[in-house]
């Protein structure tokens, strides 16, 4: 039994063979380099992050032919480089998950940030210091979508705007003086109205150009 347990332990630790060491940031000052181990299980890619002397399992994983990407970037605009790991969760490259580890300056370590990590297809607008995300195609013959915009307020991430369309209606939301999203437009879908189509925001940060790719063995 002890021999079997030892073999299982060796197998579980040797699975994480690929290693990334990030020490250069796209934006923000690097206070601690990030050590990342990643593994490939069939067509799924996962990772672990070393915080102090402990390896923490990440939740974001890529599937299909896609890879995980990792980069250091100031995600909360406090001057410190945070860690952003992202990858496509489907083989068609439509949906991206993200794990965001913000740098905790007093503790001198990275801490997982759930609000940022929960945003699908997360993107960052550095010029306007705004976070964006959403689903470009959620059904209805590609007529269904939603786009959200976020901003930091007193170290809290809040939604400041939304465009959403289902199979029947198109709606826009904006922030009121109480920091609540309220409907400012509600229309029946008109396929000839360009304002009711999902648009690609070209002001977002080009994360793929700066990220290090965790390559799969066959690539």
C-alpha atoms as a PDB file:
ATOM      1  CA  UNK A   1       0.000   0.000   0.000  1.00  0.00           C
ATOM      2  CA  UNK A   2       2.819   2.421   0.826  1.00  0.00           C
ATOM      3  CA  UNK A   3       4.501   1.668  -2.507  1.00  0.00           C
ATOM      4  CA  UNK A   4       1.258   2.350  -4.411  1.00  0.00           C
ATOM      5  CA  UNK A   5       0.720   5.606  -2.518  1.00  0.00           C
ATOM      6  CA  UNK A   6       4.294   6.673  -3.307  1.00  0.00           C
ATOM      7  CA  UNK A   7       3.861   5.897  -7.013  1.00  0.00           C
ATOM      8  CA  UNK A   8       0.588   7.839  -7.139  1.00  0.00           C
ATOM      9  CA  UNK A   9       2.302  10.779  -5.437  1.00  0.00           C
ATOM     10  CA  UNK A  10       5.133  10.739  -7.968  1.00  0.00           C
ATOM     11  CA  UNK A  11       2.670  10.572 -10.859  1.00  0.00           C
ATOM     12  CA  UNK A  12       0.583  13.450  -9.538  1.00  0.00           C
ATOM     13  CA  UNK A  13       3.597  15.700  -9.070  1.00  0.00           C
ATOM     14  CA  UNK A  14       5.316  14.816 -12.334  1.00  0.00           C
ATOM     15  CA  UNK A  15       2.201  15.658 -14.364  1.00  0.00           C
ATOM     16  CA  UNK A  16       3.016  19.370 -14.017  1.00  0.00           C
ATOM     17  CA  UNK A  17       6.113  19.335 -16.183  1.00  0.00           C
ATOM     18  CA  UNK A  18       5.929  22.632 -18.082  1.00  0.00           C
ATOM     19  CA  UNK A  19       7.179  25.684 -16.187  1.00  0.00           C
ATOM     20  CA  UNK A  20       6.841  29.410 -16.839  1.00  0.00           C
ATOM     21  CA  UNK A  21       8.727  32.125 -14.986  1.00  0.00           C
ATOM     22  CA  UNK A  22       7.208  35.582 -15.525  1.00  0.00           C
ATOM     23  CA  UNK A  23       9.310  38.570 -14.514  1.00  0.00           C
ATOM     24  CA  UNK A  24       8.533  41.213 -17.140  1.00  0.00           C
ATOM     25  CA  UNK A  25       5.293  43.205 -17.046  1.00  0.00           C
ATOM     26  CA  UNK A  26       3.356  44.801 -19.864  1.00  0.00           C
ATOM     27  CA  UNK A  27       2.246  47.486 -17.391  1.00  0.00           C
ATOM     28  CA  UNK A  28       2.919  48.020 -13.698  1.00  0.00           C
ATOM     29  CA  UNK A  29       5.961  47.370 -11.520  1.00  0.00           C
ATOM     30  CA  UNK A  30       6.930  43.772 -10.838  1.00  0.00           C
ATOM     31  CA  UNK A  31       7.398  43.126  -7.119  1.00  0.00           C
ATOM     32  CA  UNK A  32       7.620  39.337  -7.317  1.00  0.00           C
ATOM     33  CA  UNK A  33       8.138  37.098 -10.325  1.00  0.00           C
ATOM     34  CA  UNK A  34       5.421  34.507 -10.924  1.00  0.00           C
ATOM     35  CA  UNK A  35       6.308  30.817 -11.103  1.00  0.00           C
ATOM     36  CA  UNK A  36       3.723  28.776 -12.983  1.00  0.00           C
ATOM     37  CA  UNK A  37       3.576  25.048 -13.651  1.00  0.00           C
ATOM     38  CA  UNK A  38       1.184  23.813 -16.296  1.00  0.00           C
ATOM     39  CA  UNK A  39       0.028  20.391 -17.445  1.00  0.00           C
ATOM     40  CA  UNK A  40      -1.724  18.867 -20.430  1.00  0.00           C
ATOM     41  CA  UNK A  41      -4.349  16.169 -19.901  1.00  0.00           C
ATOM     42  CA  UNK A  42      -5.434  14.923 -23.345  1.00  0.00           C
ATOM     43  CA  UNK A  43      -6.814  18.172 -24.840  1.00  0.00           C
ATOM     44  CA  UNK A  44      -7.195  20.046 -21.545  1.00  0.00           C
ATOM     45  CA  UNK A  45      -4.563  22.363 -20.101  1.00  0.00           C
ATOM     46  CA  UNK A  46      -4.396  23.354 -16.421  1.00  0.00           C
ATOM     47  CA  UNK A  47      -1.914  25.204 -14.217  1.00  0.00           C
ATOM     48  CA  UNK A  48      -0.638  25.830 -10.701  1.00  0.00           C
ATOM     49  CA  UNK A  49       0.807  29.043  -9.265  1.00  0.00           C
ATOM     50  CA  UNK A  50       3.484  29.205  -6.573  1.00  0.00           C
ATOM     51  CA  UNK A  51       2.620  31.623  -3.765  1.00  0.00           C
ATOM     52  CA  UNK A  52       5.421  31.804  -1.215  1.00  0.00           C
ATOM     53  CA  UNK A  53       6.285  28.086  -0.884  1.00  0.00           C
ATOM     54  CA  UNK A  54       2.858  26.674  -1.709  1.00  0.00           C
ATOM     55  CA  UNK A  55       1.539  25.656  -5.116  1.00  0.00           C
ATOM     56  CA  UNK A  56      -2.065  26.811  -5.678  1.00  0.00           C
ATOM     57  CA  UNK A  57      -4.334  25.182  -8.275  1.00  0.00           C
ATOM     58  CA  UNK A  58      -5.900  27.537 -10.808  1.00  0.00           C
ATOM     59  CA  UNK A  59      -9.491  27.187 -11.968  1.00  0.00           C
ATOM     60  CA  UNK A  60      -9.136  28.477 -15.550  1.00  0.00           C
ATOM     61  CA  UNK A  61      -8.279  25.781 -18.079  1.00  0.00           C
ATOM     62  CA  UNK A  62      -8.158  25.633 -21.855  1.00  0.00           C
ATOM     63  CA  UNK A  63      -9.547  22.868 -24.038  1.00  0.00           C
ATOM     64  CA  UNK A  64      -9.412  21.771 -27.625  1.00  0.00           C
ATOM     65  CA  UNK A  65      -6.439  23.098 -29.565  1.00  0.00           C
ATOM     66  CA  UNK A  66      -6.163  26.303 -27.529  1.00  0.00           C
ATOM     67  CA  UNK A  67      -3.502  27.128 -24.959  1.00  0.00           C
ATOM     68  CA  UNK A  68      -3.373  28.960 -21.675  1.00  0.00           C
ATOM     69  CA  UNK A  69      -1.709  32.391 -21.783  1.00  0.00           C
ATOM     70  CA  UNK A  70      -0.066  34.213 -18.872  1.00  0.00           C
ATOM     71  CA  UNK A  71       1.069  37.806 -18.501  1.00  0.00           C
ATOM     72  CA  UNK A  72       1.826  40.433 -15.890  1.00  0.00           C
ATOM     73  CA  UNK A  73      -0.420  43.485 -16.248  1.00  0.00           C
ATOM     74  CA  UNK A  74      -1.768  46.169 -13.932  1.00  0.00           C
ATOM     75  CA  UNK A  75      -5.423  45.075 -13.776  1.00  0.00           C
ATOM     76  CA  UNK A  76      -6.589  47.436 -11.011  1.00  0.00           C
ATOM     77  CA  UNK A  77      -4.464  50.446 -12.028  1.00  0.00           C
ATOM     78  CA  UNK A  78      -2.595  50.756  -8.723  1.00  0.00           C
ATOM     79  CA  UNK A  79       0.876  50.735 -10.289  1.00  0.00           C
ATOM     80  CA  UNK A  80       1.626  47.072  -9.450  1.00  0.00           C
ATOM     81  CA  UNK A  81       1.733  44.297 -12.040  1.00  0.00           C
ATOM     82  CA  UNK A  82      -0.926  41.654 -11.464  1.00  0.00           C
ATOM     83  CA  UNK A  83      -1.076  38.150 -12.949  1.00  0.00           C
ATOM     84  CA  UNK A  84      -3.610  37.324 -15.667  1.00  0.00           C
ATOM     85  CA  UNK A  85      -4.014  33.761 -16.924  1.00  0.00           C
ATOM     86  CA  UNK A  86      -6.549  33.152 -19.682  1.00  0.00           C
ATOM     87  CA  UNK A  87      -7.472  30.535 -22.267  1.00  0.00           C
ATOM     88  CA  UNK A  88     -10.312  29.409 -24.505  1.00  0.00           C
ATOM     89  CA  UNK A  89     -12.665  26.883 -22.951  1.00  0.00           C
ATOM     90  CA  UNK A  90     -14.147  25.679 -26.242  1.00  0.00           C
ATOM     91  CA  UNK A  91     -12.550  24.352 -29.421  1.00  0.00           C
ATOM     92  CA  UNK A  92     -14.118  27.129 -31.524  1.00  0.00           C
ATOM     93  CA  UNK A  93     -12.375  29.916 -29.625  1.00  0.00           C
ATOM     94  CA  UNK A  94     -15.548  31.783 -28.637  1.00  0.00           C
ATOM     95  CA  UNK A  95     -15.458  31.685 -24.835  1.00  0.00           C
ATOM     96  CA  UNK A  96     -12.430  32.575 -22.696  1.00  0.00           C
ATOM     97  CA  UNK A  97     -12.010  31.981 -18.983  1.00  0.00           C
ATOM     98  CA  UNK A  98      -9.650  34.064 -16.851  1.00  0.00           C
ATOM     99  CA  UNK A  99      -7.889  33.754 -13.528  1.00  0.00           C
ATOM    100  CA  UNK A 100      -6.748  37.115 -12.158  1.00  0.00           C
ATOM    101  CA  UNK A 101      -4.315  37.245  -9.250  1.00  0.00           C
ATOM    102  CA  UNK A 102      -3.984  40.802  -7.958  1.00  0.00           C
ATOM    103  CA  UNK A 103      -0.783  41.870  -6.230  1.00  0.00           C
ATOM    104  CA  UNK A 104      -1.370  42.485  -2.508  1.00  0.00           C
ATOM    105  CA  UNK A 105       1.289  45.077  -1.669  1.00  0.00           C
ATOM    106  CA  UNK A 106       1.094  44.856   2.159  1.00  0.00           C
ATOM    107  CA  UNK A 107       1.242  41.040   2.095  1.00  0.00           C
ATOM    108  CA  UNK A 108       3.785  41.006  -0.770  1.00  0.00           C
ATOM    109  CA  UNK A 109       1.996  38.208  -2.634  1.00  0.00           C
ATOM    110  CA  UNK A 110      -0.640  37.506  -5.276  1.00  0.00           C
ATOM    111  CA  UNK A 111      -4.263  36.993  -4.237  1.00  0.00           C
ATOM    112  CA  UNK A 112      -6.987  35.487  -6.385  1.00  0.00           C
ATOM    113  CA  UNK A 113      -9.667  38.030  -7.392  1.00  0.00           C
ATOM    114  CA  UNK A 114     -13.062  36.419  -7.924  1.00  0.00           C
ATOM    115  CA  UNK A 115     -14.977  39.403  -9.449  1.00  0.00           C
ATOM    116  CA  UNK A 116     -12.441  39.886 -12.255  1.00  0.00           C
ATOM    117  CA  UNK A 117     -12.026  36.160 -12.819  1.00  0.00           C
ATOM    118  CA  UNK A 118     -15.782  35.684 -13.183  1.00  0.00           C
ATOM    119  CA  UNK A 119     -16.013  37.978 -16.237  1.00  0.00           C
ATOM    120  CA  UNK A 120     -16.255  35.914 -19.446  1.00  0.00           C
ATOM    121  CA  UNK A 121     -14.016  36.993 -22.322  1.00  0.00           C
ATOM    122  CA  UNK A 122     -12.312  39.477 -20.016  1.00  0.00           C
ATOM    123  CA  UNK A 123     -10.556  42.411 -21.684  1.00  0.00           C
ATOM    124  CA  UNK A 124      -8.988  45.601 -20.372  1.00  0.00           C
ATOM    125  CA  UNK A 125      -9.132  49.126 -21.761  1.00  0.00           C
ATOM    126  CA  UNK A 126      -5.923  50.740 -20.537  1.00  0.00           C
ATOM    127  CA  UNK A 127      -6.636  54.175 -22.026  1.00  0.00           C
ATOM    128  CA  UNK A 128      -9.961  54.519 -20.200  1.00  0.00           C
ATOM    129  CA  UNK A 129      -8.978  52.318 -17.236  1.00  0.00           C
ATOM    130  CA  UNK A 130     -12.003  50.151 -17.793  1.00  0.00           C
ATOM    131  CA  UNK A 131     -12.618  46.407 -17.709  1.00  0.00           C
ATOM    132  CA  UNK A 132     -14.836  44.796 -20.330  1.00  0.00           C
ATOM    133  CA  UNK A 133     -16.336  41.390 -21.025  1.00  0.00           C
ATOM    134  CA  UNK A 134     -19.367  39.528 -22.260  1.00  0.00           C
ATOM    135  CA  UNK A 135     -20.684  36.880 -24.635  1.00  0.00           C
ATOM    136  CA  UNK A 136     -20.720  37.740 -28.352  1.00  0.00           C
ATOM    137  CA  UNK A 137     -22.999  34.869 -29.333  1.00  0.00           C
ATOM    138  CA  UNK A 138     -25.379  33.209 -26.882  1.00  0.00           C
ATOM    139  CA  UNK A 139     -27.931  31.896 -29.381  1.00  0.00           C
ATOM    140  CA  UNK A 140     -30.896  33.057 -31.475  1.00  0.00           C
ATOM    141  CA  UNK A 141     -28.998  32.519 -34.743  1.00  0.00           C
ATOM    142  CA  UNK A 142     -26.146  34.724 -33.446  1.00  0.00           C
ATOM    143  CA  UNK A 143     -28.586  37.531 -32.558  1.00  0.00           C
ATOM    144  CA  UNK A 144     -28.150  37.064 -28.793  1.00  0.00           C
ATOM    145  CA  UNK A 145     -25.233  38.772 -27.020  1.00  0.00           C
ATOM    146  CA  UNK A 146     -24.280  40.907 -24.049  1.00  0.00           C
ATOM    147  CA  UNK A 147     -21.403  43.307 -23.373  1.00  0.00           C
ATOM    148  CA  UNK A 148     -20.495  44.660 -19.943  1.00  0.00           C
ATOM    149  CA  UNK A 149     -18.176  47.487 -18.879  1.00  0.00           C
ATOM    150  CA  UNK A 150     -16.695  47.784 -15.390  1.00  0.00           C
ATOM    151  CA  UNK A 151     -14.688  50.345 -13.439  1.00  0.00           C
ATOM    152  CA  UNK A 152     -12.873  50.452 -10.107  1.00  0.00           C
ATOM    153  CA  UNK A 153     -14.527  52.502  -7.356  1.00  0.00           C
ATOM    154  CA  UNK A 154     -12.727  52.582  -3.990  1.00  0.00           C
ATOM    155  CA  UNK A 155     -10.963  49.285  -4.745  1.00  0.00           C
ATOM    156  CA  UNK A 156     -14.269  47.660  -5.696  1.00  0.00           C
ATOM    157  CA  UNK A 157     -15.119  46.547  -9.221  1.00  0.00           C
ATOM    158  CA  UNK A 158     -18.576  47.725 -10.290  1.00  0.00           C
ATOM    159  CA  UNK A 159     -20.510  47.388 -13.565  1.00  0.00           C
ATOM    160  CA  UNK A 160     -20.976  50.784 -15.217  1.00  0.00           C
ATOM    161  CA  UNK A 161     -22.725  49.851 -18.475  1.00  0.00           C
ATOM    162  CA  UNK A 162     -24.325  46.944 -20.334  1.00  0.00           C
ATOM    163  CA  UNK A 163     -25.627  46.174 -23.801  1.00  0.00           C
ATOM    164  CA  UNK A 164     -27.771  43.048 -23.979  1.00  0.00           C
ATOM    165  CA  UNK A 165     -29.900  41.378 -26.607  1.00  0.00           C
ATOM    166  CA  UNK A 166     -31.985  38.226 -26.411  1.00  0.00           C
ATOM    167  CA  UNK A 167     -34.232  36.652 -29.029  1.00  0.00           C
ATOM    168  CA  UNK A 168     -36.818  39.429 -28.789  1.00  0.00           C
ATOM    169  CA  UNK A 169     -35.464  42.659 -27.294  1.00  0.00           C
ATOM    170  CA  UNK A 170     -32.414  44.919 -27.243  1.00  0.00           C
ATOM    171  CA  UNK A 171     -31.567  46.815 -24.033  1.00  0.00           C
ATOM    172  CA  UNK A 172     -28.934  49.267 -22.818  1.00  0.00           C
ATOM    173  CA  UNK A 173     -28.105  49.956 -19.169  1.00  0.00           C
ATOM    174  CA  UNK A 174     -26.203  52.816 -17.570  1.00  0.00           C
ATOM    175  CA  UNK A 175     -25.093  53.682 -14.057  1.00  0.00           C
ATOM    176  CA  UNK A 176     -27.242  56.083 -12.044  1.00  0.00           C
ATOM    177  CA  UNK A 177     -26.156  58.339  -9.171  1.00  0.00           C
ATOM    178  CA  UNK A 178     -26.667  55.459  -6.719  1.00  0.00           C
ATOM    179  CA  UNK A 179     -24.288  53.188  -8.631  1.00  0.00           C
ATOM    180  CA  UNK A 180     -27.148  51.008  -9.890  1.00  0.00           C
ATOM    181  CA  UNK A 181     -27.537  49.864 -13.472  1.00  0.00           C
ATOM    182  CA  UNK A 182     -30.821  51.118 -14.910  1.00  0.00           C
ATOM    183  CA  UNK A 183     -32.394  50.562 -18.340  1.00  0.00           C
ATOM    184  CA  UNK A 184     -31.966  53.554 -20.630  1.00  0.00           C
ATOM    185  CA  UNK A 185     -33.091  51.881 -23.862  1.00  0.00           C
ATOM    186  CA  UNK A 186     -35.524  49.018 -24.483  1.00  0.00           C
ATOM    187  CA  UNK A 187     -36.437  48.175 -28.064  1.00  0.00           C
ATOM    188  CA  UNK A 188     -37.861  45.355 -30.130  1.00  0.00           C
ATOM    189  CA  UNK A 189     -35.083  43.813 -32.205  1.00  0.00           C
ATOM    190  CA  UNK A 190     -34.625  45.371 -35.622  1.00  0.00           C
ATOM    191  CA  UNK A 191     -32.026  43.433 -37.627  1.00  0.00           C
ATOM    192  CA  UNK A 192     -31.465  46.503 -39.813  1.00  0.00           C
ATOM    193  CA  UNK A 193     -30.424  48.694 -36.875  1.00  0.00           C
ATOM    194  CA  UNK A 194     -26.600  48.679 -36.576  1.00  0.00           C
ATOM    195  CA  UNK A 195     -26.844  49.887 -32.971  1.00  0.00           C
ATOM    196  CA  UNK A 196     -28.366  46.549 -32.023  1.00  0.00           C
ATOM    197  CA  UNK A 197     -25.420  44.496 -33.195  1.00  0.00           C
ATOM    198  CA  UNK A 198     -22.563  43.357 -31.000  1.00  0.00           C
ATOM    199  CA  UNK A 199     -19.422  45.322 -31.851  1.00  0.00           C
ATOM    200  CA  UNK A 200     -15.746  44.559 -31.415  1.00  0.00           C
ATOM    201  CA  UNK A 201     -14.063  47.086 -29.155  1.00  0.00           C
ATOM    202  CA  UNK A 202     -10.733  47.922 -30.754  1.00  0.00           C
ATOM    203  CA  UNK A 203      -9.463  49.936 -27.782  1.00  0.00           C
ATOM    204  CA  UNK A 204      -8.890  46.893 -25.619  1.00  0.00           C
ATOM    205  CA  UNK A 205      -5.410  45.820 -24.551  1.00  0.00           C
ATOM    206  CA  UNK A 206      -3.742  43.369 -26.948  1.00  0.00           C
ATOM    207  CA  UNK A 207      -3.031  40.706 -24.343  1.00  0.00           C
ATOM    208  CA  UNK A 208      -2.034  38.028 -26.865  1.00  0.00           C
ATOM    209  CA  UNK A 209       0.935  40.114 -28.027  1.00  0.00           C
ATOM    210  CA  UNK A 210       2.356  40.334 -24.498  1.00  0.00           C
ATOM    211  CA  UNK A 211       1.354  36.973 -23.049  1.00  0.00           C
ATOM    212  CA  UNK A 212       3.554  33.931 -22.760  1.00  0.00           C
ATOM    213  CA  UNK A 213       1.882  30.861 -24.196  1.00  0.00           C
ATOM    214  CA  UNK A 214       1.879  27.561 -22.326  1.00  0.00           C
ATOM    215  CA  UNK A 215       2.464  25.324 -25.329  1.00  0.00           C
ATOM    216  CA  UNK A 216       1.059  21.848 -25.633  1.00  0.00           C
ATOM    217  CA  UNK A 217       3.635  19.100 -26.327  1.00  0.00           C
ATOM    218  CA  UNK A 218       2.550  18.472 -29.921  1.00  0.00           C
ATOM    219  CA  UNK A 219       2.840  22.121 -31.025  1.00  0.00           C
END
